[in-house]
Amino acid sequence: MRARSFITGFLAASMVLSSLPARAEMIGTAQPLAPAAADAQRQRVDEFLARADVRQKFQELGVNPDQAAQRVASLTDAELAQLSDRIDSMPAGGDALELVLVVLLILLILELLGAIDIFPRI
C-alpha cells in the first residue's frame, strides 16, 4: 500500500511538472560564443593596459593606471568591444607612409651610388 501511494504521488507530481509550458527557440552561433569573445576582448584590453609604455602615458596625462584599469573592468560588453576594436585599429609603429618614403629614399640613394641595380633606367 505504501509503495502504491508513493508511485501515485510521484506520477501526480510528474504530470503537474510536465504540464508547465516549455520554451524552445533557435539560437544563433554568436550567442554561445559571445561570453568567450567578451573574455578575449577583456584580456586583450587588460594586457594593453598592463604595458609599461601605456602606464607611463597614463601617468604623464595625470591618470592613475590602477583607477583606469578599474574603470575598464566596469565597462559593458559593448563598450569593451568598441575599446578593443579601437586598440586593434591604432597604428603600432607610427605613420606607415613615412616608413615607405624612407625605404624608397634609401633605395634611390643606393641606386645612384651604383651599389644596387633595382631601377634599370636610372
PDB file of N, CA and C in Angstrom:
ATOM      1  N   MET A   1       0.803  -1.187   0.000  1.00  0.00           N
ATOM      2  CA  MET A   1       0.000   0.000   0.000  1.00  0.00           C
ATOM      3  C   MET A   1       0.855   1.265   0.000  1.00  0.00           C
ATOM      4  N   ARG A   2       1.905   1.178   0.773  1.00  0.00           N
ATOM      5  CA  ARG A   2       2.760   2.350   0.883  1.00  0.00           C
ATOM      6  C   ARG A   2       3.460   2.640  -0.440  1.00  0.00           C
ATOM      7  N   ALA A   3       3.872   1.610  -1.148  1.00  0.00           N
ATOM      8  CA  ALA A   3       4.519   1.778  -2.445  1.00  0.00           C
ATOM      9  C   ALA A   3       3.541   2.355  -3.455  1.00  0.00           C
ATOM     10  N   ARG A   4       2.279   1.920  -3.372  1.00  0.00           N
ATOM     11  CA  ARG A   4       1.270   2.418  -4.291  1.00  0.00           C
ATOM     12  C   ARG A   4       1.043   3.923  -4.092  1.00  0.00           C
ATOM     13  N   SER A   5       0.984   4.407  -2.872  1.00  0.00           N
ATOM     14  CA  SER A   5       0.780   5.839  -2.626  1.00  0.00           C
ATOM     15  C   SER A   5       2.008   6.644  -3.051  1.00  0.00           C
ATOM     16  N   PHE A   6       3.186   6.058  -2.902  1.00  0.00           N
ATOM     17  CA  PHE A   6       4.414   6.734  -3.355  1.00  0.00           C
ATOM     18  C   PHE A   6       4.405   6.888  -4.868  1.00  0.00           C
ATOM     19  N   ILE A   7       4.059   5.807  -5.566  1.00  0.00           N
ATOM     20  CA  ILE A   7       4.020   5.843  -7.037  1.00  0.00           C
ATOM     21  C   ILE A   7       2.944   6.812  -7.512  1.00  0.00           C
ATOM     22  N   THR A   8       1.796   6.805  -6.840  1.00  0.00           N
ATOM     23  CA  THR A   8       0.717   7.714  -7.211  1.00  0.00           C
ATOM     24  C   THR A   8       1.150   9.170  -7.027  1.00  0.00           C
ATOM     25  N   GLY A   9       1.789   9.477  -5.940  1.00  0.00           N
ATOM     26  CA  GLY A   9       2.284  10.829  -5.688  1.00  0.00           C
ATOM     27  C   GLY A   9       3.343  11.234  -6.699  1.00  0.00           C
ATOM     28  N   PHE A  10       4.222  10.301  -7.022  1.00  0.00           N
ATOM     29  CA  PHE A  10       5.275  10.569  -7.997  1.00  0.00           C
ATOM     30  C   PHE A  10       4.683  10.854  -9.365  1.00  0.00           C
ATOM     31  N   LEU A  11       3.697  10.043  -9.783  1.00  0.00           N
ATOM     32  CA  LEU A  11       3.056  10.247 -11.079  1.00  0.00           C
ATOM     33  C   LEU A  11       2.273  11.557 -11.120  1.00  0.00           C
ATOM     34  N   ALA A  12       1.623  11.899 -10.015  1.00  0.00           N
ATOM     35  CA  ALA A  12       0.876  13.159  -9.968  1.00  0.00           C
ATOM     36  C   ALA A  12       1.827  14.346 -10.088  1.00  0.00           C
ATOM     37  N   ALA A  13       2.938  14.291  -9.400  1.00  0.00           N
ATOM     38  CA  ALA A  13       3.928  15.371  -9.489  1.00  0.00           C
ATOM     39  C   ALA A  13       4.521  15.453 -10.886  1.00  0.00           C
ATOM     40  N   SER A  14       4.759  14.320 -11.509  1.00  0.00           N
ATOM     41  CA  SER A  14       5.300  14.300 -12.874  1.00  0.00           C
ATOM     42  C   SER A  14       4.331  14.922 -13.854  1.00  0.00           C
ATOM     43  N   MET A  15       3.040  14.628 -13.690  1.00  0.00           N
ATOM     44  CA  MET A  15       2.046  15.190 -14.601  1.00  0.00           C
ATOM     45  C   MET A  15       1.928  16.706 -14.423  1.00  0.00           C
ATOM     46  N   VAL A  16       1.999  17.155 -13.177  1.00  0.00           N
ATOM     47  CA  VAL A  16       1.915  18.596 -12.928  1.00  0.00           C
ATOM     48  C   VAL A  16       3.123  19.305 -13.540  1.00  0.00           C
ATOM     49  N   LEU A  17       4.294  18.748 -13.332  1.00  0.00           N
ATOM     50  CA  LEU A  17       5.504  19.374 -13.870  1.00  0.00           C
ATOM     51  C   LEU A  17       5.554  19.305 -15.392  1.00  0.00           C
ATOM     52  N   SER A  18       5.035  18.257 -15.980  1.00  0.00           N
ATOM     53  CA  SER A  18       5.066  18.142 -17.443  1.00  0.00           C
ATOM     54  C   SER A  18       4.054  19.065 -18.107  1.00  0.00           C
ATOM     55  N   SER A  19       3.079  19.552 -17.351  1.00  0.00           N
ATOM     56  CA  SER A  19       2.094  20.447 -17.942  1.00  0.00           C
ATOM     57  C   SER A  19       2.570  21.900 -17.959  1.00  0.00           C
ATOM     58  N   LEU A  20       3.697  22.182 -17.332  1.00  0.00           N
ATOM     59  CA  LEU A  20       4.230  23.545 -17.355  1.00  0.00           C
ATOM     60  C   LEU A  20       4.687  23.875 -18.771  1.00  0.00           C
ATOM     61  N   PRO A  21       4.514  25.113 -19.189  1.00  0.00           N
ATOM     62  CA  PRO A  21       4.891  25.454 -20.570  1.00  0.00           C
ATOM     63  C   PRO A  21       6.401  25.370 -20.763  1.00  0.00           C
ATOM     64  N   ALA A  22       6.780  24.724 -21.832  1.00  0.00           N
ATOM     65  CA  ALA A  22       8.197  24.619 -22.193  1.00  0.00           C
ATOM     66  C   ALA A  22       8.478  25.639 -23.290  1.00  0.00           C
ATOM     67  N   ARG A  23       9.658  26.179 -23.269  1.00  0.00           N
ATOM     68  CA  ARG A  23      10.012  27.203 -24.247  1.00  0.00           C
ATOM     69  C   ARG A  23      11.299  26.784 -24.935  1.00  0.00           C
ATOM     70  N   ALA A  24      11.229  26.642 -26.230  1.00  0.00           N
ATOM     71  CA  ALA A  24      12.410  26.297 -27.013  1.00  0.00           C
ATOM     72  C   ALA A  24      12.505  27.285 -28.163  1.00  0.00           C
ATOM     73  N   GLU A  25      13.684  27.740 -28.406  1.00  0.00           N
ATOM     74  CA  GLU A  25      13.868  28.667 -29.510  1.00  0.00           C
ATOM     75  C   GLU A  25      15.229  28.430 -30.127  1.00  0.00           C
ATOM     76  N   MET A  26      15.374  28.894 -31.337  1.00  0.00           N
ATOM     77  CA  MET A  26      16.635  28.753 -32.051  1.00  0.00           C
ATOM     78  C   MET A  26      17.610  29.801 -31.527  1.00  0.00           C
ATOM     79  N   ILE A  27      18.849  29.409 -31.413  1.00  0.00           N
ATOM     80  CA  ILE A  27      19.883  30.360 -31.032  1.00  0.00           C
ATOM     81  C   ILE A  27      20.915  30.406 -32.146  1.00  0.00           C
ATOM     82  N   GLY A  28      21.460  31.560 -32.337  1.00  0.00           N
ATOM     83  CA  GLY A  28      22.485  31.717 -33.361  1.00  0.00           C
ATOM     84  C   GLY A  28      23.846  31.277 -32.837  1.00  0.00           C
ATOM     85  N   THR A  29      24.771  31.165 -33.730  1.00  0.00           N
ATOM     86  CA  THR A  29      26.115  30.760 -33.363  1.00  0.00           C
ATOM     87  C   THR A  29      26.783  31.793 -32.469  1.00  0.00           C
ATOM     88  N   ALA A  30      26.454  33.047 -32.652  1.00  0.00           N
ATOM     89  CA  ALA A  30      27.108  34.123 -31.902  1.00  0.00           C
ATOM     90  C   ALA A  30      26.720  34.108 -30.424  1.00  0.00           C
ATOM     91  N   GLN A  31      25.531  33.627 -30.094  1.00  0.00           N
ATOM     92  CA  GLN A  31      25.102  33.665 -28.697  1.00  0.00           C
ATOM     93  C   GLN A  31      25.967  32.806 -27.781  1.00  0.00           C
ATOM     94  N   PRO A  32      26.245  31.544 -28.109  1.00  0.00           N
ATOM     95  CA  PRO A  32      27.112  30.778 -27.205  1.00  0.00           C
ATOM     96  C   PRO A  32      28.551  31.272 -27.201  1.00  0.00           C
ATOM     97  N   LEU A  33      28.969  31.886 -28.302  1.00  0.00           N
ATOM     98  CA  LEU A  33      30.345  32.357 -28.403  1.00  0.00           C
ATOM     99  C   LEU A  33      30.551  33.736 -27.809  1.00  0.00           C
ATOM    100  N   ALA A  34      29.472  34.469 -27.538  1.00  0.00           N
ATOM    101  CA  ALA A  34      29.584  35.840 -27.039  1.00  0.00           C
ATOM    102  C   ALA A  34      30.358  35.943 -25.725  1.00  0.00           C
ATOM    103  N   PRO A  35      30.109  35.080 -24.724  1.00  0.00           N
ATOM    104  CA  PRO A  35      30.905  35.201 -23.494  1.00  0.00           C
ATOM    105  C   PRO A  35      32.398  34.954 -23.727  1.00  0.00           C
ATOM    106  N   ALA A  36      32.729  34.015 -24.600  1.00  0.00           N
ATOM    107  CA  ALA A  36      34.142  33.752 -24.885  1.00  0.00           C
ATOM    108  C   ALA A  36      34.780  34.939 -25.588  1.00  0.00           C
ATOM    109  N   ALA A  37      34.039  35.558 -26.510  1.00  0.00           N
ATOM    110  CA  ALA A  37      34.569  36.729 -27.215  1.00  0.00           C
ATOM    111  C   ALA A  37      34.766  37.891 -26.250  1.00  0.00           C
ATOM    112  N   ALA A  38      33.822  38.080 -25.328  1.00  0.00           N
ATOM    113  CA  ALA A  38      33.954  39.162 -24.351  1.00  0.00           C
ATOM    114  C   ALA A  38      35.149  38.926 -23.441  1.00  0.00           C
ATOM    115  N   ASP A  39      35.369  37.668 -23.058  1.00  0.00           N
ATOM    116  CA  ASP A  39      36.534  37.356 -22.225  1.00  0.00           C
ATOM    117  C   ASP A  39      37.831  37.627 -22.972  1.00  0.00           C
ATOM    118  N   ALA A  40      37.867  37.276 -24.255  1.00  0.00           N
ATOM    119  CA  ALA A  40      39.074  37.516 -25.053  1.00  0.00           C
ATOM    120  C   ALA A  40      39.320  39.014 -25.218  1.00  0.00           C
ATOM    121  N   GLN A  41      38.250  39.779 -25.434  1.00  0.00           N
ATOM    122  CA  GLN A  41      38.407  41.226 -25.564  1.00  0.00           C
ATOM    123  C   GLN A  41      38.853  41.845 -24.254  1.00  0.00           C
ATOM    124  N   ARG A  42      38.293  41.378 -23.144  1.00  0.00           N
ATOM    125  CA  ARG A  42      38.689  41.901 -21.840  1.00  0.00           C
ATOM    126  C   ARG A  42      40.167  41.596 -21.570  1.00  0.00           C
ATOM    127  N   GLN A  43      40.598  40.393 -21.934  1.00  0.00           N
ATOM    128  CA  GLN A  43      42.006  40.027 -21.742  1.00  0.00           C
ATOM    129  C   GLN A  43      42.911  40.895 -22.612  1.00  0.00           C
ATOM    130  N   ARG A  44      42.498  41.150 -23.869  1.00  0.00           N
ATOM    131  CA  ARG A  44      43.297  41.985 -24.776  1.00  0.00           C
ATOM    132  C   ARG A  44      43.447  43.399 -24.216  1.00  0.00           C
ATOM    133  N   VAL A  45      42.349  43.957 -23.719  1.00  0.00           N
ATOM    134  CA  VAL A  45      42.391  45.310 -23.160  1.00  0.00           C
ATOM    135  C   VAL A  45      43.231  45.337 -21.886  1.00  0.00           C
ATOM    136  N   ASP A  46      43.079  44.314 -21.032  1.00  0.00           N
ATOM    137  CA  ASP A  46      43.875  44.252 -19.802  1.00  0.00           C
ATOM    138  C   ASP A  46      45.367  44.155 -20.098  1.00  0.00           C
ATOM    139  N   GLU A  47      45.723  43.359 -21.117  1.00  0.00           N
ATOM    140  CA  GLU A  47      47.135  43.260 -21.499  1.00  0.00           C
ATOM    141  C   GLU A  47      47.656  44.589 -22.025  1.00  0.00           C
ATOM    142  N   PHE A  48      46.807  45.302 -22.769  1.00  0.00           N
ATOM    143  CA  PHE A  48      47.203  46.616 -23.278  1.00  0.00           C
ATOM    144  C   PHE A  48      47.439  47.590 -22.128  1.00  0.00           C
ATOM    145  N   LEU A  49      46.543  47.573 -21.144  1.00  0.00           N
ATOM    146  CA  LEU A  49      46.685  48.485 -20.007  1.00  0.00           C
ATOM    147  C   LEU A  49      47.863  48.123 -19.117  1.00  0.00           C
ATOM    148  N   ALA A  50      48.302  46.885 -19.152  1.00  0.00           N
ATOM    149  CA  ALA A  50      49.410  46.449 -18.308  1.00  0.00           C
ATOM    150  C   ALA A  50      50.776  46.783 -18.913  1.00  0.00           C
ATOM    151  N   ARG A  51      50.806  47.196 -20.172  1.00  0.00           N
ATOM    152  CA  ARG A  51      52.083  47.529 -20.800  1.00  0.00           C
ATOM    153  C   ARG A  51      52.711  48.739 -20.112  1.00  0.00           C
ATOM    154  N   ALA A  52      54.038  48.728 -20.028  1.00  0.00           N
ATOM    155  CA  ALA A  52      54.766  49.787 -19.325  1.00  0.00           C
ATOM    156  C   ALA A  52      54.603  51.145 -20.013  1.00  0.00           C
ATOM    157  N   ASP A  53      54.628  51.154 -21.356  1.00  0.00           N
ATOM    158  CA  ASP A  53      54.502  52.439 -22.058  1.00  0.00           C
ATOM    159  C   ASP A  53      53.106  53.042 -21.891  1.00  0.00           C
ATOM    160  N   VAL A  54      52.098  52.192 -21.807  1.00  0.00           N
ATOM    161  CA  VAL A  54      50.731  52.698 -21.613  1.00  0.00           C
ATOM    162  C   VAL A  54      50.588  53.260 -20.200  1.00  0.00           C
ATOM    163  N   ARG A  55      51.120  52.548 -19.213  1.00  0.00           N
ATOM    164  CA  ARG A  55      51.052  53.022 -17.829  1.00  0.00           C
ATOM    165  C   ARG A  55      51.808  54.353 -17.679  1.00  0.00           C
ATOM    166  N   GLN A  56      52.943  54.459 -18.379  1.00  0.00           N
ATOM    167  CA  GLN A  56      53.721  55.699 -18.315  1.00  0.00           C
ATOM    168  C   GLN A  56      52.944  56.852 -18.953  1.00  0.00           C
ATOM    169  N   LYS A  57      52.278  56.589 -20.065  1.00  0.00           N
ATOM    170  CA  LYS A  57      51.485  57.627 -20.721  1.00  0.00           C
ATOM    171  C   LYS A  57      50.320  58.069 -19.841  1.00  0.00           C
ATOM    172  N   PHE A  58      49.696  57.111 -19.137  1.00  0.00           N
ATOM    173  CA  PHE A  58      48.641  57.467 -18.182  1.00  0.00           C
ATOM    174  C   PHE A  58      49.184  58.424 -17.124  1.00  0.00           C
ATOM    175  N   GLN A  59      50.360  58.109 -16.595  1.00  0.00           N
ATOM    176  CA  GLN A  59      50.947  58.953 -15.552  1.00  0.00           C
ATOM    177  C   GLN A  59      51.300  60.329 -16.094  1.00  0.00           C
ATOM    178  N   GLU A  60      51.772  60.399 -17.353  1.00  0.00           N
ATOM    179  CA  GLU A  60      52.071  61.684 -17.957  1.00  0.00           C
ATOM    180  C   GLU A  60      50.815  62.540 -18.101  1.00  0.00           C
ATOM    181  N   LEU A  61      49.699  61.878 -18.349  1.00  0.00           N
ATOM    182  CA  LEU A  61      48.430  62.592 -18.509  1.00  0.00           C
ATOM    183  C   LEU A  61      47.731  62.844 -17.175  1.00  0.00           C
ATOM    184  N   GLY A  62      48.328  62.383 -16.077  1.00  0.00           N
ATOM    185  CA  GLY A  62      47.756  62.607 -14.753  1.00  0.00           C
ATOM    186  C   GLY A  62      46.670  61.628 -14.367  1.00  0.00           C
ATOM    187  N   VAL A  63      46.661  60.460 -15.008  1.00  0.00           N
ATOM    188  CA  VAL A  63      45.656  59.440 -14.711  1.00  0.00           C
ATOM    189  C   VAL A  63      46.329  58.300 -13.971  1.00  0.00           C
ATOM    190  N   ASN A  64      45.722  57.875 -12.876  1.00  0.00           N
ATOM    191  CA  ASN A  64      46.243  56.737 -12.134  1.00  0.00           C
ATOM    192  C   ASN A  64      45.944  55.463 -12.926  1.00  0.00           C
ATOM    193  N   PRO A  65      46.975  54.688 -13.324  1.00  0.00           N
ATOM    194  CA  PRO A  65      46.744  53.489 -14.131  1.00  0.00           C
ATOM    195  C   PRO A  65      45.838  52.463 -13.446  1.00  0.00           C
ATOM    196  N   ASP A  66      45.913  52.363 -12.129  1.00  0.00           N
ATOM    197  CA  ASP A  66      45.065  51.406 -11.420  1.00  0.00           C
ATOM    198  C   ASP A  66      43.594  51.824 -11.480  1.00  0.00           C
ATOM    199  N   GLN A  67      43.334  53.120 -11.380  1.00  0.00           N
ATOM    200  CA  GLN A  67      41.961  53.592 -11.499  1.00  0.00           C
ATOM    201  C   GLN A  67      41.429  53.388 -12.915  1.00  0.00           C
ATOM    202  N   ALA A  68      42.295  53.575 -13.896  1.00  0.00           N
ATOM    203  CA  ALA A  68      41.881  53.342 -15.285  1.00  0.00           C
ATOM    204  C   ALA A  68      41.521  51.874 -15.486  1.00  0.00           C
ATOM    205  N   ALA A  69      42.312  50.976 -14.909  1.00  0.00           N
ATOM    206  CA  ALA A  69      42.021  49.544 -15.022  1.00  0.00           C
ATOM    207  C   ALA A  69      40.701  49.189 -14.338  1.00  0.00           C
ATOM    208  N   GLN A  70      40.423  49.837 -13.203  1.00  0.00           N
ATOM    209  CA  GLN A  70      39.150  49.588 -12.517  1.00  0.00           C
ATOM    210  C   GLN A  70      37.973  50.078 -13.358  1.00  0.00           C
ATOM    211  N   ARG A  71      38.134  51.205 -14.007  1.00  0.00           N
ATOM    212  CA  ARG A  71      37.047  51.726 -14.841  1.00  0.00           C
ATOM    213  C   ARG A  71      36.829  50.843 -16.056  1.00  0.00           C
ATOM    214  N   VAL A  72      37.917  50.319 -16.624  1.00  0.00           N
ATOM    215  CA  VAL A  72      37.779  49.410 -17.761  1.00  0.00           C
ATOM    216  C   VAL A  72      37.087  48.121 -17.334  1.00  0.00           C
ATOM    217  N   ALA A  73      37.362  47.664 -16.117  1.00  0.00           N
ATOM    218  CA  ALA A  73      36.725  46.439 -15.621  1.00  0.00           C
ATOM    219  C   ALA A  73      35.215  46.604 -15.470  1.00  0.00           C
ATOM    220  N   SER A  74      34.743  47.833 -15.322  1.00  0.00           N
ATOM    221  CA  SER A  74      33.310  48.060 -15.148  1.00  0.00           C
ATOM    222  C   SER A  74      32.584  48.342 -16.463  1.00  0.00           C
ATOM    223  N   LEU A  75      33.272  48.248 -17.602  1.00  0.00           N
ATOM    224  CA  LEU A  75      32.641  48.502 -18.896  1.00  0.00           C
ATOM    225  C   LEU A  75      31.680  47.380 -19.266  1.00  0.00           C
ATOM    226  N   THR A  76      30.659  47.732 -20.025  1.00  0.00           N
ATOM    227  CA  THR A  76      29.757  46.708 -20.548  1.00  0.00           C
ATOM    228  C   THR A  76      30.444  45.972 -21.691  1.00  0.00           C
ATOM    229  N   ASP A  77      29.853  44.865 -22.127  1.00  0.00           N
ATOM    230  CA  ASP A  77      30.458  44.095 -23.210  1.00  0.00           C
ATOM    231  C   ASP A  77      30.520  44.894 -24.509  1.00  0.00           C
ATOM    232  N   ALA A  78      29.503  45.696 -24.779  1.00  0.00           N
ATOM    233  CA  ALA A  78      29.505  46.512 -25.998  1.00  0.00           C
ATOM    234  C   ALA A  78      30.595  47.582 -25.941  1.00  0.00           C
ATOM    235  N   GLU A  79      30.738  48.235 -24.799  1.00  0.00           N
ATOM    236  CA  GLU A  79      31.792  49.252 -24.650  1.00  0.00           C
ATOM    237  C   GLU A  79      33.172  48.617 -24.734  1.00  0.00           C
ATOM    238  N   LEU A  80      33.289  47.432 -24.173  1.00  0.00           N
ATOM    239  CA  LEU A  80      34.565  46.721 -24.207  1.00  0.00           C
ATOM    240  C   LEU A  80      34.927  46.322 -25.634  1.00  0.00           C
ATOM    241  N   ALA A  81      33.941  45.878 -26.402  1.00  0.00           N
ATOM    242  CA  ALA A  81      34.186  45.515 -27.796  1.00  0.00           C
ATOM    243  C   ALA A  81      34.638  46.730 -28.595  1.00  0.00           C
ATOM    244  N   GLN A  82      34.011  47.867 -28.348  1.00  0.00           N
ATOM    245  CA  GLN A  82      34.386  49.094 -29.047  1.00  0.00           C
ATOM    246  C   GLN A  82      35.821  49.506 -28.691  1.00  0.00           C
ATOM    247  N   LEU A  83      36.176  49.428 -27.423  1.00  0.00           N
ATOM    248  CA  LEU A  83      37.530  49.775 -26.994  1.00  0.00           C
ATOM    249  C   LEU A  83      38.552  48.812 -27.579  1.00  0.00           C
ATOM    250  N   SER A  84      38.225  47.531 -27.577  1.00  0.00           N
ATOM    251  CA  SER A  84      39.133  46.528 -28.133  1.00  0.00           C
ATOM    252  C   SER A  84      39.358  46.753 -29.621  1.00  0.00           C
ATOM    253  N   ASP A  85      38.304  47.105 -30.343  1.00  0.00           N
ATOM    254  CA  ASP A  85      38.453  47.386 -31.774  1.00  0.00           C
ATOM    255  C   ASP A  85      39.307  48.621 -32.010  1.00  0.00           C
ATOM    256  N   ARG A  86      39.162  49.617 -31.155  1.00  0.00           N
ATOM    257  CA  ARG A  86      39.975  50.832 -31.299  1.00  0.00           C
ATOM    258  C   ARG A  86      41.442  50.538 -31.023  1.00  0.00           C
ATOM    259  N   ILE A  87      41.718  49.659 -30.074  1.00  0.00           N
ATOM    260  CA  ILE A  87      43.112  49.287 -29.797  1.00  0.00           C
ATOM    261  C   ILE A  87      43.705  48.591 -31.006  1.00  0.00           C
ATOM    262  N   ASP A  88      42.928  47.707 -31.645  1.00  0.00           N
ATOM    263  CA  ASP A  88      43.420  46.977 -32.808  1.00  0.00           C
ATOM    264  C   ASP A  88      43.639  47.885 -34.012  1.00  0.00           C
ATOM    265  N   SER A  89      42.869  48.953 -34.134  1.00  0.00           N
ATOM    266  CA  SER A  89      42.982  49.820 -35.302  1.00  0.00           C
ATOM    267  C   SER A  89      44.030  50.912 -35.133  1.00  0.00           C
ATOM    268  N   MET A  90      44.564  51.086 -33.945  1.00  0.00           N
ATOM    269  CA  MET A  90      45.567  52.124 -33.734  1.00  0.00           C
ATOM    270  C   MET A  90      46.889  51.716 -34.382  1.00  0.00           C
ATOM    271  N   PRO A  91      47.607  52.680 -34.960  1.00  0.00           N
ATOM    272  CA  PRO A  91      48.887  52.329 -35.572  1.00  0.00           C
ATOM    273  C   PRO A  91      49.909  51.934 -34.518  1.00  0.00           C
ATOM    274  N   ALA A  92      50.610  50.831 -34.784  1.00  0.00           N
ATOM    275  CA  ALA A  92      51.560  50.323 -33.804  1.00  0.00           C
ATOM    276  C   ALA A  92      52.888  51.051 -33.867  1.00  0.00           C
ATOM    277  N   GLY A  93      53.343  51.399 -35.064  1.00  0.00           N
ATOM    278  CA  GLY A  93      54.664  51.982 -35.170  1.00  0.00           C
ATOM    279  C   GLY A  93      54.681  53.375 -35.735  1.00  0.00           C
ATOM    280  N   GLY A  94      53.615  54.068 -35.699  1.00  0.00           N
ATOM    281  CA  GLY A  94      53.576  55.410 -36.250  1.00  0.00           C
ATOM    282  C   GLY A  94      52.978  55.387 -37.643  1.00  0.00           C
ATOM    283  N   ASP A  95      53.338  56.387 -38.443  1.00  0.00           N
ATOM    284  CA  ASP A  95      52.781  56.530 -39.770  1.00  0.00           C
ATOM    285  C   ASP A  95      53.509  55.622 -40.755  1.00  0.00           C
ATOM    286  N   ALA A  96      52.795  54.783 -41.449  1.00  0.00           N
ATOM    287  CA  ALA A  96      53.398  53.844 -42.392  1.00  0.00           C
ATOM    288  C   ALA A  96      53.912  54.564 -43.635  1.00  0.00           C
ATOM    289  N   LEU A  97      53.315  55.684 -43.976  1.00  0.00           N
ATOM    290  CA  LEU A  97      53.751  56.441 -45.144  1.00  0.00           C
ATOM    291  C   LEU A  97      55.190  56.913 -44.980  1.00  0.00           C
ATOM    292  N   GLU A  98      55.541  57.347 -43.800  1.00  0.00           N
ATOM    293  CA  GLU A  98      56.920  57.781 -43.550  1.00  0.00           C
ATOM    294  C   GLU A  98      57.898  56.635 -43.756  1.00  0.00           C
ATOM    295  N   LEU A  99      57.549  55.457 -43.309  1.00  0.00           N
ATOM    296  CA  LEU A  99      58.415  54.296 -43.470  1.00  0.00           C
ATOM    297  C   LEU A  99      58.621  53.966 -44.943  1.00  0.00           C
ATOM    298  N   VAL A 100      57.564  53.997 -45.725  1.00  0.00           N
ATOM    299  CA  VAL A 100      57.668  53.707 -47.154  1.00  0.00           C
ATOM    300  C   VAL A 100      58.546  54.744 -47.839  1.00  0.00           C
ATOM    301  N   LEU A 101      58.364  56.011 -47.514  1.00  0.00           N
ATOM    302  CA  LEU A 101      59.177  57.060 -48.128  1.00  0.00           C
ATOM    303  C   LEU A 101      60.656  56.931 -47.769  1.00  0.00           C
ATOM    304  N   VAL A 102      60.951  56.584 -46.544  1.00  0.00           N
ATOM    305  CA  VAL A 102      62.348  56.402 -46.126  1.00  0.00           C
ATOM    306  C   VAL A 102      62.978  55.233 -46.871  1.00  0.00           C
ATOM    307  N   VAL A 103      62.274  54.143 -47.004  1.00  0.00           N
ATOM    308  CA  VAL A 103      62.809  52.981 -47.724  1.00  0.00           C
ATOM    309  C   VAL A 103      63.053  53.340 -49.191  1.00  0.00           C
ATOM    310  N   LEU A 104      62.094  54.015 -49.814  1.00  0.00           N
ATOM    311  CA  LEU A 104      62.294  54.427 -51.209  1.00  0.00           C
ATOM    312  C   LEU A 104      63.471  55.379 -51.360  1.00  0.00           C
ATOM    313  N   LEU A 105      63.650  56.292 -50.421  1.00  0.00           N
ATOM    314  CA  LEU A 105      64.776  57.225 -50.469  1.00  0.00           C
ATOM    315  C   LEU A 105      66.105  56.481 -50.340  1.00  0.00           C
ATOM    316  N   ILE A 106      66.173  55.528 -49.449  1.00  0.00           N
ATOM    317  CA  ILE A 106      67.403  54.733 -49.278  1.00  0.00           C
ATOM    318  C   ILE A 106      67.699  53.942 -50.547  1.00  0.00           C
ATOM    319  N   LEU A 107      66.663  53.325 -51.136  1.00  0.00           N
ATOM    320  CA  LEU A 107      66.878  52.577 -52.383  1.00  0.00           C
ATOM    321  C   LEU A 107      67.343  53.489 -53.510  1.00  0.00           C
ATOM    322  N   LEU A 108      66.796  54.686 -53.596  1.00  0.00           N
ATOM    323  CA  LEU A 108      67.197  55.632 -54.631  1.00  0.00           C
ATOM    324  C   LEU A 108      68.654  56.066 -54.457  1.00  0.00           C
ATOM    325  N   ILE A 109      69.055  56.334 -53.237  1.00  0.00           N
ATOM    326  CA  ILE A 109      70.452  56.734 -52.967  1.00  0.00           C
ATOM    327  C   ILE A 109      71.403  55.599 -53.311  1.00  0.00           C
ATOM    328  N   LEU A 110      71.050  54.368 -52.903  1.00  0.00           N
ATOM    329  CA  LEU A 110      71.905  53.227 -53.232  1.00  0.00           C
ATOM    330  C   LEU A 110      71.974  52.993 -54.732  1.00  0.00           C
ATOM    331  N   GLU A 111      70.865  53.238 -55.420  1.00  0.00           N
ATOM    332  CA  GLU A 111      70.847  53.091 -56.886  1.00  0.00           C
ATOM    333  C   GLU A 111      71.752  54.136 -57.541  1.00  0.00           C
ATOM    334  N   LEU A 112      71.686  55.384 -57.078  1.00  0.00           N
ATOM    335  CA  LEU A 112      72.523  56.433 -57.649  1.00  0.00           C
ATOM    336  C   LEU A 112      74.003  56.213 -57.369  1.00  0.00           C
ATOM    337  N   LEU A 113      74.327  55.601 -56.240  1.00  0.00           N
ATOM    338  CA  LEU A 113      75.716  55.305 -55.914  1.00  0.00           C
ATOM    339  C   LEU A 113      76.227  54.072 -56.641  1.00  0.00           C
ATOM    340  N   GLY A 114      75.335  53.320 -57.288  1.00  0.00           N
ATOM    341  CA  GLY A 114      75.741  52.127 -58.034  1.00  0.00           C
ATOM    342  C   GLY A 114      75.865  50.896 -57.161  1.00  0.00           C
ATOM    343  N   ALA A 115      75.407  50.935 -55.924  1.00  0.00           N
ATOM    344  CA  ALA A 115      75.525  49.782 -55.041  1.00  0.00           C
ATOM    345  C   ALA A 115      74.507  48.698 -55.374  1.00  0.00           C
ATOM    346  N   ILE A 116      73.360  49.090 -55.921  1.00  0.00           N
ATOM    347  CA  ILE A 116      72.329  48.127 -56.313  1.00  0.00           C
ATOM    348  C   ILE A 116      71.800  48.508 -57.675  1.00  0.00           C
ATOM    349  N   ASP A 117      71.081  47.591 -58.298  1.00  0.00           N
ATOM    350  CA  ASP A 117      70.510  47.855 -59.622  1.00  0.00           C
ATOM    351  C   ASP A 117      69.032  47.460 -59.604  1.00  0.00           C
ATOM    352  N   ILE A 118      68.233  48.212 -58.839  1.00  0.00           N
ATOM    353  CA  ILE A 118      66.811  47.929 -58.740  1.00  0.00           C
ATOM    354  C   ILE A 118      66.044  48.651 -59.834  1.00  0.00           C
ATOM    355  N   PHE A 119      66.418  49.894 -60.091  1.00  0.00           N
ATOM    356  CA  PHE A 119      65.751  50.702 -61.110  1.00  0.00           C
ATOM    357  C   PHE A 119      66.646  50.697 -62.353  1.00  0.00           C
ATOM    358  N   PRO A 120      66.338  49.907 -63.367  1.00  0.00           N
ATOM    359  CA  PRO A 120      67.261  49.754 -64.513  1.00  0.00           C
ATOM    360  C   PRO A 120      67.382  51.007 -65.378  1.00  0.00           C
ATOM    361  N   ARG A 121      66.465  51.945 -65.364  1.00  0.00           N
ATOM    362  CA  ARG A 121      66.538  53.118 -66.236  1.00  0.00           C
ATOM    363  C   ARG A 121      67.208  54.323 -65.594  1.00  0.00           C
ATOM    364  N   ILE A 122      67.576  54.244 -64.353  1.00  0.00           N
ATOM    365  CA  ILE A 122      68.203  55.399 -63.688  1.00  0.00           C
ATOM    366  C   ILE A 122      69.694  55.357 -63.887  1.00  0.00           C
TER     367      ILE A 122
END
